[in-house]
Each structure stands twice: as structure tokens, then as C-alpha cells.
Amino acid sequence: MTRVPTAAASAPRASTAAASDDFATLTEQSAHANAALVRGDINGYLALMDHASDYTLMSPFGGMPTCDFDTSSEYRAALARFFKLGTFAQQVPN
């Protein structure tokens, strides 16, 4: 699978066909990345998904908000334990 850079995915397109192809590629990439995440394959997820460096995320379980994506080995291990053996089915509305 070809990885779509974030900038390329959001750049203006000259044709509807090109935009449709980009959308299909990005949708497929997103599905593969999120499937890897819920299986606990954090390295596979990060190989397919870029994270912006300027966002704040509030955990649904409480605690302090986090900024940026923590790439430490401890956090990756915690994510892998949390999402171990999950399944993912992506639906894209028309």
C-alpha cells in the first residue's frame, strides 16, 4: 500500500477523478492503520498514520489532556496492551 502524505491528501485537485482516487487511497490507508491500532500493532499504525504536532487530546477516561502523540516505548506498550486483539470495520458514507 502506498502511504499518502498528509499535505498531499489535503491539496487542491484539478479533477474530480483525481480527488476520488485520493479519497479512496486515503480511506484504504486509514482502514489499514486503524485495524493495526486496534490489534495492538502500534508500530504498524504509526507507519501508516501521520499525527499533527499541534493538537490537544482529552482522554475519555479522565486525567490531564495530552499534546502531540507520545512516541515513547512505554506509551506504545500501554496502547498495545489496551488495544490487544481488537477488530476494526470502517464504514464510509456515500
C-alpha atoms as a PDB file:
ATOM      1  CA  MET A   1       0.000   0.000   0.000  1.00  0.00           C
ATOM      2  CA  THR A   2       1.264   3.461  -0.867  1.00  0.00           C
ATOM      3  CA  ARG A   3       1.278   5.880   2.041  1.00  0.00           C
ATOM      4  CA  VAL A   4      -0.429   9.218   1.340  1.00  0.00           C
ATOM      5  CA  PRO A   5       1.350  12.189   2.944  1.00  0.00           C
ATOM      6  CA  THR A   6      -0.930  14.484   4.908  1.00  0.00           C
ATOM      7  CA  ALA A   7      -0.177  17.514   2.710  1.00  0.00           C
ATOM      8  CA  ALA A   8      -0.916  15.593  -0.483  1.00  0.00           C
ATOM      9  CA  ALA A   9      -4.192  14.322   0.928  1.00  0.00           C
ATOM     10  CA  SER A  10      -5.425  17.859   1.589  1.00  0.00           C
ATOM     11  CA  ALA A  11      -4.028  19.631  -1.514  1.00  0.00           C
ATOM     12  CA  PRO A  12      -6.494  21.033  -4.096  1.00  0.00           C
ATOM     13  CA  ARG A  13      -7.085  18.736  -7.082  1.00  0.00           C
ATOM     14  CA  ALA A  14      -7.642  19.569 -10.737  1.00  0.00           C
ATOM     15  CA  SER A  15     -10.210  16.867 -11.394  1.00  0.00           C
ATOM     16  CA  THR A  16     -12.967  15.012  -9.641  1.00  0.00           C
ATOM     17  CA  ALA A  17     -11.429  11.698 -10.718  1.00  0.00           C
ATOM     18  CA  ALA A  18      -8.113  12.561  -9.078  1.00  0.00           C
ATOM     19  CA  ALA A  19      -9.901  13.638  -5.896  1.00  0.00           C
ATOM     20  CA  SER A  20     -11.917  10.425  -5.922  1.00  0.00           C
ATOM     21  CA  ASP A  21      -8.736   8.346  -6.322  1.00  0.00           C
ATOM     22  CA  ASP A  22      -7.030  10.244  -3.490  1.00  0.00           C
ATOM     23  CA  PHE A  23     -10.075   9.772  -1.263  1.00  0.00           C
ATOM     24  CA  ALA A  24     -10.152   6.033  -1.971  1.00  0.00           C
ATOM     25  CA  THR A  25      -6.426   5.709  -1.241  1.00  0.00           C
ATOM     26  CA  LEU A  26      -6.675   7.731   1.966  1.00  0.00           C
ATOM     27  CA  THR A  27      -9.732   5.758   3.081  1.00  0.00           C
ATOM     28  CA  GLU A  28      -7.925   2.461   2.484  1.00  0.00           C
ATOM     29  CA  GLN A  29      -4.832   3.704   4.309  1.00  0.00           C
ATOM     30  CA  SER A  30      -6.944   4.857   7.239  1.00  0.00           C
ATOM     31  CA  ALA A  31      -8.692   1.475   7.428  1.00  0.00           C
ATOM     32  CA  HIS A  32      -5.371  -0.407   7.464  1.00  0.00           C
ATOM     33  CA  ALA A  33      -3.883   1.950  10.071  1.00  0.00           C
ATOM     34  CA  ASN A  34      -6.882   1.778  12.394  1.00  0.00           C
ATOM     35  CA  ALA A  35      -7.100  -2.004  12.040  1.00  0.00           C
ATOM     36  CA  ALA A  36      -3.442  -2.216  13.083  1.00  0.00           C
ATOM     37  CA  LEU A  37      -4.120   0.060  16.061  1.00  0.00           C
ATOM     38  CA  VAL A  38      -6.997  -1.980  17.470  1.00  0.00           C
ATOM     39  CA  ARG A  39      -4.970  -5.203  17.011  1.00  0.00           C
ATOM     40  CA  GLY A  40      -2.275  -3.650  19.199  1.00  0.00           C
ATOM     41  CA  ASP A  41       0.184  -3.237  16.301  1.00  0.00           C
ATOM     42  CA  ILE A  42       1.229   0.285  17.247  1.00  0.00           C
ATOM     43  CA  ASN A  43       4.302   0.336  15.004  1.00  0.00           C
ATOM     44  CA  GLY A  44       2.149  -0.730  12.036  1.00  0.00           C
ATOM     45  CA  TYR A  45      -0.344   2.006  12.881  1.00  0.00           C
ATOM     46  CA  LEU A  46       2.344   4.682  13.115  1.00  0.00           C
ATOM     47  CA  ALA A  47       3.917   3.521   9.824  1.00  0.00           C
ATOM     48  CA  LEU A  48       0.639   4.367   8.076  1.00  0.00           C
ATOM     49  CA  MET A  49      -0.691   7.353  10.032  1.00  0.00           C
ATOM     50  CA  ASP A  50       0.838  10.799  10.461  1.00  0.00           C
ATOM     51  CA  HIS A  51      -0.040  12.743  13.591  1.00  0.00           C
ATOM     52  CA  ALA A  52      -0.098  16.526  13.633  1.00  0.00           C
ATOM     53  CA  SER A  53       2.182  18.111  16.203  1.00  0.00           C
ATOM     54  CA  ASP A  54      -0.242  20.804  17.318  1.00  0.00           C
ATOM     55  CA  TYR A  55      -3.299  19.192  18.890  1.00  0.00           C
ATOM     56  CA  THR A  56      -4.626  18.522  22.380  1.00  0.00           C
ATOM     57  CA  LEU A  57      -6.380  15.252  23.212  1.00  0.00           C
ATOM     58  CA  MET A  58      -8.591  14.698  26.229  1.00  0.00           C
ATOM     59  CA  SER A  59      -8.851  11.089  27.368  1.00  0.00           C
ATOM     60  CA  PRO A  60     -12.394   9.719  27.679  1.00  0.00           C
ATOM     61  CA  PHE A  61     -11.210   8.113  30.920  1.00  0.00           C
ATOM     62  CA  GLY A  62     -10.228  11.414  32.569  1.00  0.00           C
ATOM     63  CA  GLY A  63      -6.842  12.755  33.522  1.00  0.00           C
ATOM     64  CA  MET A  64      -4.749  15.528  32.076  1.00  0.00           C
ATOM     65  CA  PRO A  65      -5.072  16.386  28.377  1.00  0.00           C
ATOM     66  CA  THR A  66      -2.108  15.432  26.212  1.00  0.00           C
ATOM     67  CA  CYS A  67      -0.483  17.422  23.451  1.00  0.00           C
ATOM     68  CA  ASP A  68       1.013  15.722  20.401  1.00  0.00           C
ATOM     69  CA  PHE A  69       1.402  11.951  20.106  1.00  0.00           C
ATOM     70  CA  ASP A  70       3.614  10.295  22.701  1.00  0.00           C
ATOM     71  CA  THR A  71       6.035   8.059  20.786  1.00  0.00           C
ATOM     72  CA  SER A  72       7.831   6.714  23.861  1.00  0.00           C
ATOM     73  CA  SER A  73       8.224   2.949  24.124  1.00  0.00           C
ATOM     74  CA  GLU A  74       6.268   2.987  27.411  1.00  0.00           C
ATOM     75  CA  TYR A  75       3.247   4.660  25.786  1.00  0.00           C
ATOM     76  CA  ARG A  76       3.401   2.364  22.746  1.00  0.00           C
ATOM     77  CA  ALA A  77       3.435  -0.659  25.067  1.00  0.00           C
ATOM     78  CA  ALA A  78       0.448   0.709  27.011  1.00  0.00           C
ATOM     79  CA  LEU A  79      -1.502   1.242  23.761  1.00  0.00           C
ATOM     80  CA  ALA A  80      -0.644  -2.254  22.593  1.00  0.00           C
ATOM     81  CA  ARG A  81      -1.958  -3.720  25.875  1.00  0.00           C
ATOM     82  CA  PHE A  82      -5.134  -1.622  25.713  1.00  0.00           C
ATOM     83  CA  PHE A  83      -5.985  -2.468  22.084  1.00  0.00           C
ATOM     84  CA  LYS A  84      -4.764  -6.087  22.098  1.00  0.00           C
ATOM     85  CA  LEU A  85      -6.654  -8.377  19.700  1.00  0.00           C
ATOM     86  CA  GLY A  86      -9.344  -5.886  18.680  1.00  0.00           C
ATOM     87  CA  THR A  87     -11.148  -5.819  15.354  1.00  0.00           C
ATOM     88  CA  PHE A  88     -11.994  -2.885  13.137  1.00  0.00           C
ATOM     89  CA  ALA A  89     -14.571  -2.337  10.401  1.00  0.00           C
ATOM     90  CA  GLN A  90     -14.556   1.062   8.703  1.00  0.00           C
ATOM     91  CA  GLN A  91     -17.702   2.439   7.113  1.00  0.00           C
ATOM     92  CA  VAL A  92     -17.561   5.328   4.665  1.00  0.00           C
ATOM     93  CA  PRO A  93     -20.878   7.055   3.880  1.00  0.00           C
ATOM     94  CA  ASN A  94     -21.601   7.936   0.265  1.00  0.00           C
END
